[in-house]
Amino acid sequence: MTAPAPRLLVLYHFFHPDQVVSARIFSDFAAEQARRGWDVTALTTNRSLDDEAARYPAAETWNGVSIHRVFRPAWSQKRPVPRLGNSAWTLAAWFARAAAICCSSRSPSRATYSARVSRSRRSG
């Protein structure tokens, strides 16, 4: 019997294709773990750091990483108060997304994602 692939859930507000250094580091790390056979999911936002008007798709797969994005307002990251607001909004959206997926998982892909999020939250 083959052991299931190890799972990794990456939570960060910027991720591929954003070019900010921290997004590149987390994205490269996630892609490398997927290349090594891990089941990798990234939960991020739909905004870019440098281009506040840019919006990324709600879901995509990139280099073996399943990326799920939550909406975040186009508040500037360059000032403390809007930056804090972005952080609070993102955390609330991540928890709401996880709760919504856990409570209504009709499709197999959502049920699988729900299990990943639930297990990561319990073990973290």
PDB file of N, CA and C in Angstrom:
ATOM      1  N   MET A   1       0.841  -1.181   0.000  1.00  0.00           N
ATOM      2  CA  MET A   1       0.000   0.000   0.000  1.00  0.00           C
ATOM      3  C   MET A   1       0.886   1.244   0.000  1.00  0.00           C
ATOM      4  N   THR A   2       0.569   2.191  -0.855  1.00  0.00           N
ATOM      5  CA  THR A   2       1.332   3.421  -0.962  1.00  0.00           C
ATOM      6  C   THR A   2       0.828   4.457   0.045  1.00  0.00           C
ATOM      7  N   ALA A   3       1.759   5.074   0.723  1.00  0.00           N
ATOM      8  CA  ALA A   3       1.394   6.114   1.687  1.00  0.00           C
ATOM      9  C   ALA A   3       0.897   7.350   0.934  1.00  0.00           C
ATOM     10  N   PRO A   4      -0.083   8.058   1.509  1.00  0.00           N
ATOM     11  CA  PRO A   4      -0.557   9.278   0.840  1.00  0.00           C
ATOM     12  C   PRO A   4       0.546  10.337   0.830  1.00  0.00           C
ATOM     13  N   ALA A   5       0.482  11.191  -0.176  1.00  0.00           N
ATOM     14  CA  ALA A   5       1.472  12.269  -0.288  1.00  0.00           C
ATOM     15  C   ALA A   5       1.339  13.215   0.904  1.00  0.00           C
ATOM     16  N   PRO A   6       2.462  13.705   1.409  1.00  0.00           N
ATOM     17  CA  PRO A   6       2.370  14.709   2.473  1.00  0.00           C
ATOM     18  C   PRO A   6       1.658  15.948   1.936  1.00  0.00           C
ATOM     19  N   ARG A   7       0.972  16.664   2.810  1.00  0.00           N
ATOM     20  CA  ARG A   7       0.197  17.846   2.393  1.00  0.00           C
ATOM     21  C   ARG A   7       0.796  19.109   2.982  1.00  0.00           C
ATOM     22  N   LEU A   8       0.691  20.176   2.209  1.00  0.00           N
ATOM     23  CA  LEU A   8       1.185  21.474   2.644  1.00  0.00           C
ATOM     24  C   LEU A   8       0.148  22.524   2.286  1.00  0.00           C
ATOM     25  N   LEU A   9      -0.230  23.339   3.252  1.00  0.00           N
ATOM     26  CA  LEU A   9      -1.121  24.472   3.024  1.00  0.00           C
ATOM     27  C   LEU A   9      -0.324  25.735   3.266  1.00  0.00           C
ATOM     28  N   VAL A  10      -0.172  26.559   2.226  1.00  0.00           N
ATOM     29  CA  VAL A  10       0.575  27.813   2.315  1.00  0.00           C
ATOM     30  C   VAL A  10      -0.433  28.953   2.409  1.00  0.00           C
ATOM     31  N   LEU A  11      -0.325  29.737   3.474  1.00  0.00           N
ATOM     32  CA  LEU A  11      -1.187  30.908   3.666  1.00  0.00           C
ATOM     33  C   LEU A  11      -0.308  32.150   3.606  1.00  0.00           C
ATOM     34  N   TYR A  12      -0.500  32.944   2.568  1.00  0.00           N
ATOM     35  CA  TYR A  12       0.254  34.199   2.455  1.00  0.00           C
ATOM     36  C   TYR A  12      -0.520  35.138   1.549  1.00  0.00           C
ATOM     37  N   HIS A  13      -0.536  36.419   1.869  1.00  0.00           N
ATOM     38  CA  HIS A  13      -1.396  37.346   1.114  1.00  0.00           C
ATOM     39  C   HIS A  13      -0.911  37.643  -0.295  1.00  0.00           C
ATOM     40  N   PHE A  14       0.342  37.384  -0.617  1.00  0.00           N
ATOM     41  CA  PHE A  14       0.838  37.543  -1.991  1.00  0.00           C
ATOM     42  C   PHE A  14       1.460  36.230  -2.443  1.00  0.00           C
ATOM     43  N   PHE A  15       1.176  35.845  -3.675  1.00  0.00           N
ATOM     44  CA  PHE A  15       1.646  34.560  -4.203  1.00  0.00           C
ATOM     45  C   PHE A  15       1.757  34.700  -5.713  1.00  0.00           C
ATOM     46  N   HIS A  16       2.243  33.679  -6.375  1.00  0.00           N
ATOM     47  CA  HIS A  16       2.364  33.690  -7.834  1.00  0.00           C
ATOM     48  C   HIS A  16       1.066  34.221  -8.464  1.00  0.00           C
ATOM     49  N   PRO A  17       1.113  35.081  -9.441  1.00  0.00           N
ATOM     50  CA  PRO A  17       2.244  35.581 -10.213  1.00  0.00           C
ATOM     51  C   PRO A  17       2.815  36.904  -9.712  1.00  0.00           C
ATOM     52  N   ASP A  18       2.452  37.308  -8.504  1.00  0.00           N
ATOM     53  CA  ASP A  18       2.986  38.559  -7.962  1.00  0.00           C
ATOM     54  C   ASP A  18       4.514  38.484  -7.905  1.00  0.00           C
ATOM     55  N   GLN A  19       5.179  39.594  -8.184  1.00  0.00           N
ATOM     56  CA  GLN A  19       6.637  39.608  -8.260  1.00  0.00           C
ATOM     57  C   GLN A  19       7.327  40.144  -7.004  1.00  0.00           C
ATOM     58  N   VAL A  20       6.568  40.472  -5.954  1.00  0.00           N
ATOM     59  CA  VAL A  20       7.196  40.918  -4.714  1.00  0.00           C
ATOM     60  C   VAL A  20       8.041  39.750  -4.185  1.00  0.00           C
ATOM     61  N   VAL A  21       9.177  40.064  -3.577  1.00  0.00           N
ATOM     62  CA  VAL A  21      10.142  39.042  -3.182  1.00  0.00           C
ATOM     63  C   VAL A  21       9.524  37.952  -2.308  1.00  0.00           C
ATOM     64  N   SER A  22       8.746  38.343  -1.301  1.00  0.00           N
ATOM     65  CA  SER A  22       8.164  37.335  -0.403  1.00  0.00           C
ATOM     66  C   SER A  22       7.211  36.401  -1.155  1.00  0.00           C
ATOM     67  N   ALA A  23       6.466  36.922  -2.114  1.00  0.00           N
ATOM     68  CA  ALA A  23       5.574  36.076  -2.913  1.00  0.00           C
ATOM     69  C   ALA A  23       6.379  35.088  -3.744  1.00  0.00           C
ATOM     70  N   ARG A  24       7.478  35.555  -4.296  1.00  0.00           N
ATOM     71  CA  ARG A  24       8.339  34.657  -5.087  1.00  0.00           C
ATOM     72  C   ARG A  24       8.928  33.555  -4.216  1.00  0.00           C
ATOM     73  N   ILE A  25       9.339  33.909  -2.999  1.00  0.00           N
ATOM     74  CA  ILE A  25       9.925  32.904  -2.092  1.00  0.00           C
ATOM     75  C   ILE A  25       8.884  31.842  -1.744  1.00  0.00           C
ATOM     76  N   PHE A  26       7.684  32.267  -1.319  1.00  0.00           N
ATOM     77  CA  PHE A  26       6.636  31.304  -0.963  1.00  0.00           C
ATOM     78  C   PHE A  26       6.201  30.491  -2.183  1.00  0.00           C
ATOM     79  N   SER A  27       6.092  31.138  -3.339  1.00  0.00           N
ATOM     80  CA  SER A  27       5.687  30.439  -4.555  1.00  0.00           C
ATOM     81  C   SER A  27       6.722  29.396  -4.972  1.00  0.00           C
ATOM     82  N   ASP A  28       7.992  29.774  -4.951  1.00  0.00           N
ATOM     83  CA  ASP A  28       9.058  28.830  -5.315  1.00  0.00           C
ATOM     84  C   ASP A  28       9.120  27.662  -4.339  1.00  0.00           C
ATOM     85  N   PHE A  29       8.955  27.945  -3.046  1.00  0.00           N
ATOM     86  CA  PHE A  29       8.953  26.891  -2.034  1.00  0.00           C
ATOM     87  C   PHE A  29       7.808  25.909  -2.297  1.00  0.00           C
ATOM     88  N   ALA A  30       6.599  26.447  -2.536  1.00  0.00           N
ATOM     89  CA  ALA A  30       5.430  25.597  -2.786  1.00  0.00           C
ATOM     90  C   ALA A  30       5.618  24.756  -4.043  1.00  0.00           C
ATOM     91  N   ALA A  31       6.127  25.367  -5.114  1.00  0.00           N
ATOM     92  CA  ALA A  31       6.346  24.634  -6.367  1.00  0.00           C
ATOM     93  C   ALA A  31       7.383  23.527  -6.185  1.00  0.00           C
ATOM     94  N   GLU A  32       8.425  23.796  -5.420  1.00  0.00           N
ATOM     95  CA  GLU A  32       9.448  22.780  -5.180  1.00  0.00           C
ATOM     96  C   GLU A  32       8.872  21.609  -4.381  1.00  0.00           C
ATOM     97  N   GLN A  33       8.046  21.902  -3.385  1.00  0.00           N
ATOM     98  CA  GLN A  33       7.437  20.820  -2.609  1.00  0.00           C
ATOM     99  C   GLN A  33       6.497  19.998  -3.489  1.00  0.00           C
ATOM    100  N   ALA A  34       5.752  20.644  -4.384  1.00  0.00           N
ATOM    101  CA  ALA A  34       4.882  19.925  -5.321  1.00  0.00           C
ATOM    102  C   ALA A  34       5.723  19.050  -6.243  1.00  0.00           C
ATOM    103  N   ARG A  35       6.860  19.573  -6.701  1.00  0.00           N
ATOM    104  CA  ARG A  35       7.758  18.794  -7.568  1.00  0.00           C
ATOM    105  C   ARG A  35       8.271  17.550  -6.846  1.00  0.00           C
ATOM    106  N   ARG A  36       8.436  17.643  -5.537  1.00  0.00           N
ATOM    107  CA  ARG A  36       8.922  16.515  -4.736  1.00  0.00           C
ATOM    108  C   ARG A  36       7.810  15.537  -4.354  1.00  0.00           C
ATOM    109  N   GLY A  37       6.592  15.789  -4.843  1.00  0.00           N
ATOM    110  CA  GLY A  37       5.504  14.854  -4.618  1.00  0.00           C
ATOM    111  C   GLY A  37       4.506  15.242  -3.544  1.00  0.00           C
ATOM    112  N   TRP A  38       4.660  16.414  -2.965  1.00  0.00           N
ATOM    113  CA  TRP A  38       3.720  16.880  -1.953  1.00  0.00           C
ATOM    114  C   TRP A  38       2.427  17.348  -2.625  1.00  0.00           C
ATOM    115  N   ASP A  39       1.332  17.272  -1.894  1.00  0.00           N
ATOM    116  CA  ASP A  39       0.044  17.810  -2.310  1.00  0.00           C
ATOM    117  C   ASP A  39      -0.031  19.219  -1.729  1.00  0.00           C
ATOM    118  N   VAL A  40       0.181  20.239  -2.583  1.00  0.00           N
ATOM    119  CA  VAL A  40       0.337  21.612  -2.099  1.00  0.00           C
ATOM    120  C   VAL A  40      -0.853  22.479  -2.507  1.00  0.00           C
ATOM    121  N   THR A  41      -1.397  23.194  -1.520  1.00  0.00           N
ATOM    122  CA  THR A  41      -2.469  24.159  -1.743  1.00  0.00           C
ATOM    123  C   THR A  41      -2.018  25.501  -1.183  1.00  0.00           C
ATOM    124  N   ALA A  42      -2.234  26.561  -1.942  1.00  0.00           N
ATOM    125  CA  ALA A  42      -1.928  27.916  -1.473  1.00  0.00           C
ATOM    126  C   ALA A  42      -3.243  28.681  -1.337  1.00  0.00           C
ATOM    127  N   LEU A  43      -3.422  29.308  -0.204  1.00  0.00           N
ATOM    128  CA  LEU A  43      -4.578  30.176   0.020  1.00  0.00           C
ATOM    129  C   LEU A  43      -4.035  31.591   0.132  1.00  0.00           C
ATOM    130  N   THR A  44      -4.440  32.437  -0.801  1.00  0.00           N
ATOM    131  CA  THR A  44      -3.867  33.777  -0.926  1.00  0.00           C
ATOM    132  C   THR A  44      -4.964  34.764  -1.282  1.00  0.00           C
ATOM    133  N   THR A  45      -4.592  35.959  -1.718  1.00  0.00           N
ATOM    134  CA  THR A  45      -5.580  36.969  -2.116  1.00  0.00           C
ATOM    135  C   THR A  45      -5.498  37.218  -3.619  1.00  0.00           C
ATOM    136  N   ASN A  46      -6.468  37.958  -4.119  1.00  0.00           N
ATOM    137  CA  ASN A  46      -6.543  38.221  -5.556  1.00  0.00           C
ATOM    138  C   ASN A  46      -5.836  39.513  -5.976  1.00  0.00           C
ATOM    139  N   ARG A  47      -5.059  40.118  -5.097  1.00  0.00           N
ATOM    140  CA  ARG A  47      -4.417  41.401  -5.399  1.00  0.00           C
ATOM    141  C   ARG A  47      -2.905  41.297  -5.493  1.00  0.00           C
ATOM    142  N   SER A  48      -2.326  42.251  -6.195  1.00  0.00           N
ATOM    143  CA  SER A  48      -0.882  42.388  -6.344  1.00  0.00           C
ATOM    144  C   SER A  48      -0.398  43.491  -5.405  1.00  0.00           C
ATOM    145  N   LEU A  49       0.837  43.386  -4.961  1.00  0.00           N
ATOM    146  CA  LEU A  49       1.392  44.444  -4.109  1.00  0.00           C
ATOM    147  C   LEU A  49       1.627  45.724  -4.902  1.00  0.00           C
ATOM    148  N   ASP A  50       2.259  45.607  -6.065  1.00  0.00           N
ATOM    149  CA  ASP A  50       2.664  46.790  -6.823  1.00  0.00           C
ATOM    150  C   ASP A  50       1.565  47.384  -7.702  1.00  0.00           C
ATOM    151  N   ASP A  51       0.674  46.552  -8.203  1.00  0.00           N
ATOM    152  CA  ASP A  51      -0.384  47.027  -9.087  1.00  0.00           C
ATOM    153  C   ASP A  51      -1.724  46.838  -8.382  1.00  0.00           C
ATOM    154  N   GLU A  52      -2.172  47.873  -7.671  1.00  0.00           N
ATOM    155  CA  GLU A  52      -3.378  47.766  -6.862  1.00  0.00           C
ATOM    156  C   GLU A  52      -4.637  47.533  -7.690  1.00  0.00           C
ATOM    157  N   ALA A  53      -4.594  47.799  -8.995  1.00  0.00           N
ATOM    158  CA  ALA A  53      -5.760  47.563  -9.849  1.00  0.00           C
ATOM    159  C   ALA A  53      -5.801  46.126 -10.373  1.00  0.00           C
ATOM    160  N   ALA A  54      -4.688  45.413 -10.311  1.00  0.00           N
ATOM    161  CA  ALA A  54      -4.623  44.041 -10.834  1.00  0.00           C
ATOM    162  C   ALA A  54      -5.446  43.095  -9.965  1.00  0.00           C
ATOM    163  N   ARG A  55      -6.107  42.163 -10.625  1.00  0.00           N
ATOM    164  CA  ARG A  55      -6.842  41.104  -9.922  1.00  0.00           C
ATOM    165  C   ARG A  55      -6.464  39.775 -10.556  1.00  0.00           C
ATOM    166  N   TYR A  56      -6.189  38.809  -9.709  1.00  0.00           N
ATOM    167  CA  TYR A  56      -5.832  37.475 -10.175  1.00  0.00           C
ATOM    168  C   TYR A  56      -7.058  36.570 -10.110  1.00  0.00           C
ATOM    169  N   PRO A  57      -7.068  35.476 -10.891  1.00  0.00           N
ATOM    170  CA  PRO A  57      -8.228  34.578 -10.889  1.00  0.00           C
ATOM    171  C   PRO A  57      -8.457  33.928  -9.519  1.00  0.00           C
ATOM    172  N   ALA A  58      -9.697  33.554  -9.247  1.00  0.00           N
ATOM    173  CA  ALA A  58     -10.063  32.964  -7.956  1.00  0.00           C
ATOM    174  C   ALA A  58      -9.382  31.623  -7.708  1.00  0.00           C
ATOM    175  N   ALA A  59      -9.104  30.895  -8.771  1.00  0.00           N
ATOM    176  CA  ALA A  59      -8.455  29.593  -8.608  1.00  0.00           C
ATOM    177  C   ALA A  59      -7.639  29.267  -9.849  1.00  0.00           C
ATOM    178  N   GLU A  60      -6.537  28.601  -9.641  1.00  0.00           N
ATOM    179  CA  GLU A  60      -5.714  28.111 -10.746  1.00  0.00           C
ATOM    180  C   GLU A  60      -4.733  27.084 -10.200  1.00  0.00           C
ATOM    181  N   THR A  61      -4.139  26.330 -11.106  1.00  0.00           N
ATOM    182  CA  THR A  61      -3.065  25.415 -10.741  1.00  0.00           C
ATOM    183  C   THR A  61      -1.816  25.892 -11.449  1.00  0.00           C
ATOM    184  N   TRP A  62      -0.734  26.011 -10.704  1.00  0.00           N
ATOM    185  CA  TRP A  62       0.530  26.494 -11.246  1.00  0.00           C
ATOM    186  C   TRP A  62       1.643  25.594 -10.719  1.00  0.00           C
ATOM    187  N   ASN A  63       2.408  25.007 -11.613  1.00  0.00           N
ATOM    188  CA  ASN A  63       3.537  24.134 -11.243  1.00  0.00           C
ATOM    189  C   ASN A  63       3.150  23.096 -10.189  1.00  0.00           C
ATOM    190  N   GLY A  64       1.951  22.548 -10.304  1.00  0.00           N
ATOM    191  CA  GLY A  64       1.493  21.523  -9.375  1.00  0.00           C
ATOM    192  C   GLY A  64       0.893  22.045  -8.094  1.00  0.00           C
ATOM    193  N   VAL A  65       0.836  23.360  -7.928  1.00  0.00           N
ATOM    194  CA  VAL A  65       0.282  23.982  -6.722  1.00  0.00           C
ATOM    195  C   VAL A  65      -1.151  24.432  -7.021  1.00  0.00           C
ATOM    196  N   SER A  66      -2.091  23.992  -6.202  1.00  0.00           N
ATOM    197  CA  SER A  66      -3.478  24.423  -6.328  1.00  0.00           C
ATOM    198  C   SER A  66      -3.628  25.747  -5.579  1.00  0.00           C
ATOM    199  N   ILE A  67      -3.918  26.816  -6.323  1.00  0.00           N
ATOM    200  CA  ILE A  67      -3.990  28.156  -5.736  1.00  0.00           C
ATOM    201  C   ILE A  67      -5.452  28.577  -5.624  1.00  0.00           C
ATOM    202  N   HIS A  68      -5.848  28.996  -4.424  1.00  0.00           N
ATOM    203  CA  HIS A  68      -7.198  29.502  -4.166  1.00  0.00           C
ATOM    204  C   HIS A  68      -7.044  30.917  -3.617  1.00  0.00           C
ATOM    205  N   ARG A  69      -7.766  31.860  -4.242  1.00  0.00           N
ATOM    206  CA  ARG A  69      -7.628  33.262  -3.850  1.00  0.00           C
ATOM    207  C   ARG A  69      -8.940  33.816  -3.308  1.00  0.00           C
ATOM    208  N   VAL A  70      -8.826  34.596  -2.247  1.00  0.00           N
ATOM    209  CA  VAL A  70      -9.991  35.290  -1.691  1.00  0.00           C
ATOM    210  C   VAL A  70      -9.926  36.753  -2.137  1.00  0.00           C
ATOM    211  N   PHE A  71     -11.088  37.389  -2.205  1.00  0.00           N
ATOM    212  CA  PHE A  71     -11.146  38.805  -2.560  1.00  0.00           C
ATOM    213  C   PHE A  71     -10.507  39.643  -1.453  1.00  0.00           C
ATOM    214  N   ARG A  72      -9.776  40.658  -1.862  1.00  0.00           N
ATOM    215  CA  ARG A  72      -9.232  41.649  -0.937  1.00  0.00           C
ATOM    216  C   ARG A  72      -9.402  43.015  -1.575  1.00  0.00           C
ATOM    217  N   PRO A  73      -9.882  44.010  -0.807  1.00  0.00           N
ATOM    218  CA  PRO A  73     -10.039  45.362  -1.364  1.00  0.00           C
ATOM    219  C   PRO A  73      -8.696  45.936  -1.825  1.00  0.00           C
ATOM    220  N   ALA A  74      -8.757  46.911  -2.697  1.00  0.00           N
ATOM    221  CA  ALA A  74      -7.540  47.528  -3.254  1.00  0.00           C
ATOM    222  C   ALA A  74      -7.004  48.619  -2.334  1.00  0.00           C
ATOM    223  N   TRP A  75      -6.893  48.313  -1.069  1.00  0.00           N
ATOM    224  CA  TRP A  75      -6.332  49.269  -0.120  1.00  0.00           C
ATOM    225  C   TRP A  75      -4.816  49.214  -0.197  1.00  0.00           C
ATOM    226  N   SER A  76      -4.197  50.373  -0.112  1.00  0.00           N
ATOM    227  CA  SER A  76      -2.741  50.463  -0.241  1.00  0.00           C
ATOM    228  C   SER A  76      -2.020  49.703   0.864  1.00  0.00           C
ATOM    229  N   GLN A  77      -0.943  49.042   0.505  1.00  0.00           N
ATOM    230  CA  GLN A  77      -0.079  48.363   1.472  1.00  0.00           C
ATOM    231  C   GLN A  77       1.027  49.301   1.945  1.00  0.00           C
ATOM    232  N   LYS A  78       1.041  50.518   1.438  1.00  0.00           N
ATOM    233  CA  LYS A  78       2.150  51.439   1.712  1.00  0.00           C
ATOM    234  C   LYS A  78       1.947  52.292   2.968  1.00  0.00           C
ATOM    235  N   ARG A  79       0.741  52.252   3.542  1.00  0.00           N
ATOM    236  CA  ARG A  79       0.469  53.016   4.762  1.00  0.00           C
ATOM    237  C   ARG A  79      -0.015  52.067   5.852  1.00  0.00           C
ATOM    238  N   PRO A  80       0.299  52.356   7.119  1.00  0.00           N
ATOM    239  CA  PRO A  80       0.009  51.413   8.209  1.00  0.00           C
ATOM    240  C   PRO A  80      -1.463  51.042   8.392  1.00  0.00           C
ATOM    241  N   VAL A  81      -2.367  52.016   8.392  1.00  0.00           N
ATOM    242  CA  VAL A  81      -3.773  51.709   8.675  1.00  0.00           C
ATOM    243  C   VAL A  81      -4.403  50.859   7.569  1.00  0.00           C
ATOM    244  N   PRO A  82      -4.262  51.237   6.276  1.00  0.00           N
ATOM    245  CA  PRO A  82      -4.820  50.362   5.241  1.00  0.00           C
ATOM    246  C   PRO A  82      -4.145  48.982   5.222  1.00  0.00           C
ATOM    247  N   ARG A  83      -2.859  48.951   5.523  1.00  0.00           N
ATOM    248  CA  ARG A  83      -2.150  47.668   5.555  1.00  0.00           C
ATOM    249  C   ARG A  83      -2.722  46.764   6.649  1.00  0.00           C
ATOM    250  N   LEU A  84      -2.983  47.330   7.815  1.00  0.00           N
ATOM    251  CA  LEU A  84      -3.601  46.575   8.906  1.00  0.00           C
ATOM    252  C   LEU A  84      -5.005  46.117   8.504  1.00  0.00           C
ATOM    253  N   GLY A  85      -5.738  47.001   7.831  1.00  0.00           N
ATOM    254  CA  GLY A  85      -7.073  46.632   7.336  1.00  0.00           C
ATOM    255  C   GLY A  85      -7.013  45.476   6.357  1.00  0.00           C
ATOM    256  N   ASN A  86      -6.017  45.500   5.467  1.00  0.00           N
ATOM    257  CA  ASN A  86      -5.839  44.388   4.527  1.00  0.00           C
ATOM    258  C   ASN A  86      -5.570  43.082   5.253  1.00  0.00           C
ATOM    259  N   SER A  87      -4.734  43.146   6.276  1.00  0.00           N
ATOM    260  CA  SER A  87      -4.412  41.930   7.037  1.00  0.00           C
ATOM    261  C   SER A  87      -5.650  41.374   7.723  1.00  0.00           C
ATOM    262  N   ALA A  88      -6.419  42.244   8.368  1.00  0.00           N
ATOM    263  CA  ALA A  88      -7.638  41.805   9.049  1.00  0.00           C
ATOM    264  C   ALA A  88      -8.645  41.236   8.048  1.00  0.00           C
ATOM    265  N   TRP A  89      -8.813  41.926   6.922  1.00  0.00           N
ATOM    266  CA  TRP A  89      -9.746  41.470   5.893  1.00  0.00           C
ATOM    267  C   TRP A  89      -9.327  40.092   5.383  1.00  0.00           C
ATOM    268  N   THR A  90      -8.047  39.935   5.097  1.00  0.00           N
ATOM    269  CA  THR A  90      -7.547  38.673   4.553  1.00  0.00           C
ATOM    270  C   THR A  90      -7.756  37.526   5.533  1.00  0.00           C
ATOM    271  N   LEU A  91      -7.425  37.732   6.801  1.00  0.00           N
ATOM    272  CA  LEU A  91      -7.622  36.675   7.797  1.00  0.00           C
ATOM    273  C   LEU A  91      -9.098  36.294   7.910  1.00  0.00           C
ATOM    274  N   ALA A  92      -9.970  37.291   7.948  1.00  0.00           N
ATOM    275  CA  ALA A  92     -11.408  37.019   8.036  1.00  0.00           C
ATOM    276  C   ALA A  92     -11.892  36.257   6.798  1.00  0.00           C
ATOM    277  N   ALA A  93     -11.422  36.665   5.626  1.00  0.00           N
ATOM    278  CA  ALA A  93     -11.828  35.998   4.381  1.00  0.00           C
ATOM    279  C   ALA A  93     -11.331  34.558   4.338  1.00  0.00           C
ATOM    280  N   TRP A  94     -10.100  34.317   4.811  1.00  0.00           N
ATOM    281  CA  TRP A  94      -9.575  32.941   4.840  1.00  0.00           C
ATOM    282  C   TRP A  94     -10.424  32.060   5.749  1.00  0.00           C
ATOM    283  N   PHE A  95     -10.757  32.555   6.943  1.00  0.00           N
ATOM    284  CA  PHE A  95     -11.566  31.756   7.862  1.00  0.00           C
ATOM    285  C   PHE A  95     -12.971  31.537   7.308  1.00  0.00           C
ATOM    286  N   ALA A  96     -13.566  32.563   6.706  1.00  0.00           N
ATOM    287  CA  ALA A  96     -14.901  32.425   6.113  1.00  0.00           C
ATOM    288  C   ALA A  96     -14.860  31.423   4.961  1.00  0.00           C
ATOM    289  N   ARG A  97     -13.830  31.479   4.158  1.00  0.00           N
ATOM    290  CA  ARG A  97     -13.687  30.553   3.025  1.00  0.00           C
ATOM    291  C   ARG A  97     -13.574  29.122   3.521  1.00  0.00           C
ATOM    292  N   ALA A  98     -12.763  28.914   4.532  1.00  0.00           N
ATOM    293  CA  ALA A  98     -12.594  27.567   5.079  1.00  0.00           C
ATOM    294  C   ALA A  98     -13.902  27.065   5.669  1.00  0.00           C
ATOM    295  N   ALA A  99     -14.622  27.922   6.389  1.00  0.00           N
ATOM    296  CA  ALA A  99     -15.899  27.531   6.995  1.00  0.00           C
ATOM    297  C   ALA A  99     -16.939  27.226   5.923  1.00  0.00           C
ATOM    298  N   ALA A 100     -17.003  28.043   4.891  1.00  0.00           N
ATOM    299  CA  ALA A 100     -17.974  27.830   3.813  1.00  0.00           C
ATOM    300  C   ALA A 100     -17.695  26.525   3.077  1.00  0.00           C
ATOM    301  N   ILE A 101     -16.449  26.244   2.837  1.00  0.00           N
ATOM    302  CA  ILE A 101     -16.088  25.019   2.135  1.00  0.00           C
ATOM    303  C   ILE A 101     -16.405  23.806   3.005  1.00  0.00           C
ATOM    304  N   CYS A 102     -16.112  23.907   4.300  1.00  0.00           N
ATOM    305  CA  CYS A 102     -16.376  22.784   5.216  1.00  0.00           C
ATOM    306  C   CYS A 102     -17.868  22.507   5.347  1.00  0.00           C
ATOM    307  N   CYS A 103     -18.683  23.547   5.314  1.00  0.00           N
ATOM    308  CA  CYS A 103     -20.119  23.377   5.526  1.00  0.00           C
ATOM    309  C   CYS A 103     -20.871  22.995   4.261  1.00  0.00           C
ATOM    310  N   SER A 104     -20.336  23.288   3.099  1.00  0.00           N
ATOM    311  CA  SER A 104     -21.048  22.964   1.853  1.00  0.00           C
ATOM    312  C   SER A 104     -20.084  22.373   0.841  1.00  0.00           C
ATOM    313  N   SER A 105     -19.764  21.124   1.024  1.00  0.00           N
ATOM    314  CA  SER A 105     -18.826  20.487   0.101  1.00  0.00           C
ATOM    315  C   SER A 105     -19.561  19.440  -0.725  1.00  0.00           C
ATOM    316  N   ARG A 106     -20.191  19.893  -1.808  1.00  0.00           N
ATOM    317  CA  ARG A 106     -20.930  18.981  -2.685  1.00  0.00           C
ATOM    318  C   ARG A 106     -20.025  18.349  -3.733  1.00  0.00           C
ATOM    319  N   SER A 107     -19.071  19.099  -4.240  1.00  0.00           N
ATOM    320  CA  SER A 107     -18.212  18.536  -5.280  1.00  0.00           C
ATOM    321  C   SER A 107     -17.015  17.854  -4.635  1.00  0.00           C
ATOM    322  N   PRO A 108     -16.468  16.816  -5.285  1.00  0.00           N
ATOM    323  CA  PRO A 108     -15.317  16.115  -4.719  1.00  0.00           C
ATOM    324  C   PRO A 108     -14.113  17.023  -4.506  1.00  0.00           C
ATOM    325  N   SER A 109     -13.884  17.975  -5.425  1.00  0.00           N
ATOM    326  CA  SER A 109     -12.713  18.849  -5.264  1.00  0.00           C
ATOM    327  C   SER A 109     -12.867  19.725  -4.036  1.00  0.00           C
ATOM    328  N   ARG A 110     -14.065  20.227  -3.777  1.00  0.00           N
ATOM    329  CA  ARG A 110     -14.277  21.039  -2.577  1.00  0.00           C
ATOM    330  C   ARG A 110     -14.176  20.198  -1.318  1.00  0.00           C
ATOM    331  N   ALA A 111     -14.653  18.975  -1.377  1.00  0.00           N
ATOM    332  CA  ALA A 111     -14.560  18.106  -0.205  1.00  0.00           C
ATOM    333  C   ALA A 111     -13.101  17.811   0.119  1.00  0.00           C
ATOM    334  N   THR A 112     -12.297  17.574  -0.908  1.00  0.00           N
ATOM    335  CA  THR A 112     -10.868  17.326  -0.702  1.00  0.00           C
ATOM    336  C   THR A 112     -10.209  18.560  -0.122  1.00  0.00           C
ATOM    337  N   TYR A 113     -10.515  19.736  -0.696  1.00  0.00           N
ATOM    338  CA  TYR A 113      -9.950  20.984  -0.195  1.00  0.00           C
ATOM    339  C   TYR A 113     -10.383  21.209   1.248  1.00  0.00           C
ATOM    340  N   SER A 114     -11.652  20.918   1.543  1.00  0.00           N
ATOM    341  CA  SER A 114     -12.175  21.082   2.889  1.00  0.00           C
ATOM    342  C   SER A 114     -11.393  20.233   3.880  1.00  0.00           C
ATOM    343  N   ALA A 115     -11.111  19.008   3.506  1.00  0.00           N
ATOM    344  CA  ALA A 115     -10.362  18.123   4.399  1.00  0.00           C
ATOM    345  C   ALA A 115      -8.963  18.668   4.637  1.00  0.00           C
ATOM    346  N   ARG A 116      -8.329  19.194   3.587  1.00  0.00           N
ATOM    347  CA  ARG A 116      -6.986  19.759   3.734  1.00  0.00           C
ATOM    348  C   ARG A 116      -6.988  20.930   4.710  1.00  0.00           C
ATOM    349  N   VAL A 117      -7.928  21.845   4.524  1.00  0.00           N
ATOM    350  CA  VAL A 117      -7.987  23.030   5.372  1.00  0.00           C
ATOM    351  C   VAL A 117      -8.286  22.625   6.808  1.00  0.00           C
ATOM    352  N   SER A 118      -9.238  21.728   6.991  1.00  0.00           N
ATOM    353  CA  SER A 118      -9.600  21.303   8.350  1.00  0.00           C
ATOM    354  C   SER A 118      -8.423  20.653   9.056  1.00  0.00           C
ATOM    355  N   ARG A 119      -7.735  19.737   8.372  1.00  0.00           N
ATOM    356  CA  ARG A 119      -6.597  19.068   8.994  1.00  0.00           C
ATOM    357  C   ARG A 119      -5.473  20.037   9.314  1.00  0.00           C
ATOM    358  N   SER A 120      -5.203  20.976   8.401  1.00  0.00           N
ATOM    359  CA  SER A 120      -4.122  21.933   8.652  1.00  0.00           C
ATOM    360  C   SER A 120      -4.447  22.828   9.836  1.00  0.00           C
ATOM    361  N   ARG A 121      -5.688  23.243   9.959  1.00  0.00           N
ATOM    362  CA  ARG A 121      -6.068  24.121  11.064  1.00  0.00           C
ATOM    363  C   ARG A 121      -5.992  23.381  12.399  1.00  0.00           C
ATOM    364  N   ARG A 122      -6.341  22.087  12.414  1.00  0.00           N
ATOM    365  CA  ARG A 122      -6.302  21.318  13.654  1.00  0.00           C
ATOM    366  C   ARG A 122      -4.873  20.999  14.069  1.00  0.00           C
ATOM    367  N   SER A 123      -4.014  20.715  13.108  1.00  0.00           N
ATOM    368  CA  SER A 123      -2.648  20.301  13.451  1.00  0.00           C
ATOM    369  C   SER A 123      -1.715  21.478  13.641  1.00  0.00           C
ATOM    370  N   GLY A 124      -2.121  22.684  13.211  1.00  0.00           N
ATOM    371  CA  GLY A 124      -1.253  23.852  13.283  1.00  0.00           C
ATOM    372  C   GLY A 124      -1.297  24.468  14.594  1.00  0.00           C
TER     373      GLY A 124
END
